[in-house]
Amino acid sequence: MQGGGKTVRRGGMKFTNFNSAATTTNPLLDGSKEECAKLEAHAGKSLHDLKQCRVQRRGFAGEVRDLKNREKALSIPKLASCDTTRVELTKRLPDLRANCFLDQ
């Protein structure tokens, strides 16, 4: 037994009335034929929309995969010969401005 407690509960699965027979009703038999046809048409349209969404998702997944492969090919490798940083270049600006002149 799980759940603890000091008493055992019995009869949880018993029917409330032993004399009555269980009747099963099918909810699909209660509706009219027009309603059934309308629901079938709606189900067909929903299935068609689902197939279109799957095709579109498959296309997008392929496009993402292709773009990732292109990204790897387009990535720019870091140049080993360029060791200057922004700070070093900023320090050189006053000297470069002093050396610049324009002929008129």
Foldseek 3Di string as FASTA:
>chain_A
DPDDDDDDDPDPPDDPDPPDDDDDDDPVVVDDPVVVVVVVVVVVVVVVVVVVVVVVVVVVVVVVVVVVVVCVVPDDDDDPVDPDDPVVVVVCVVVVVVPDDDDD
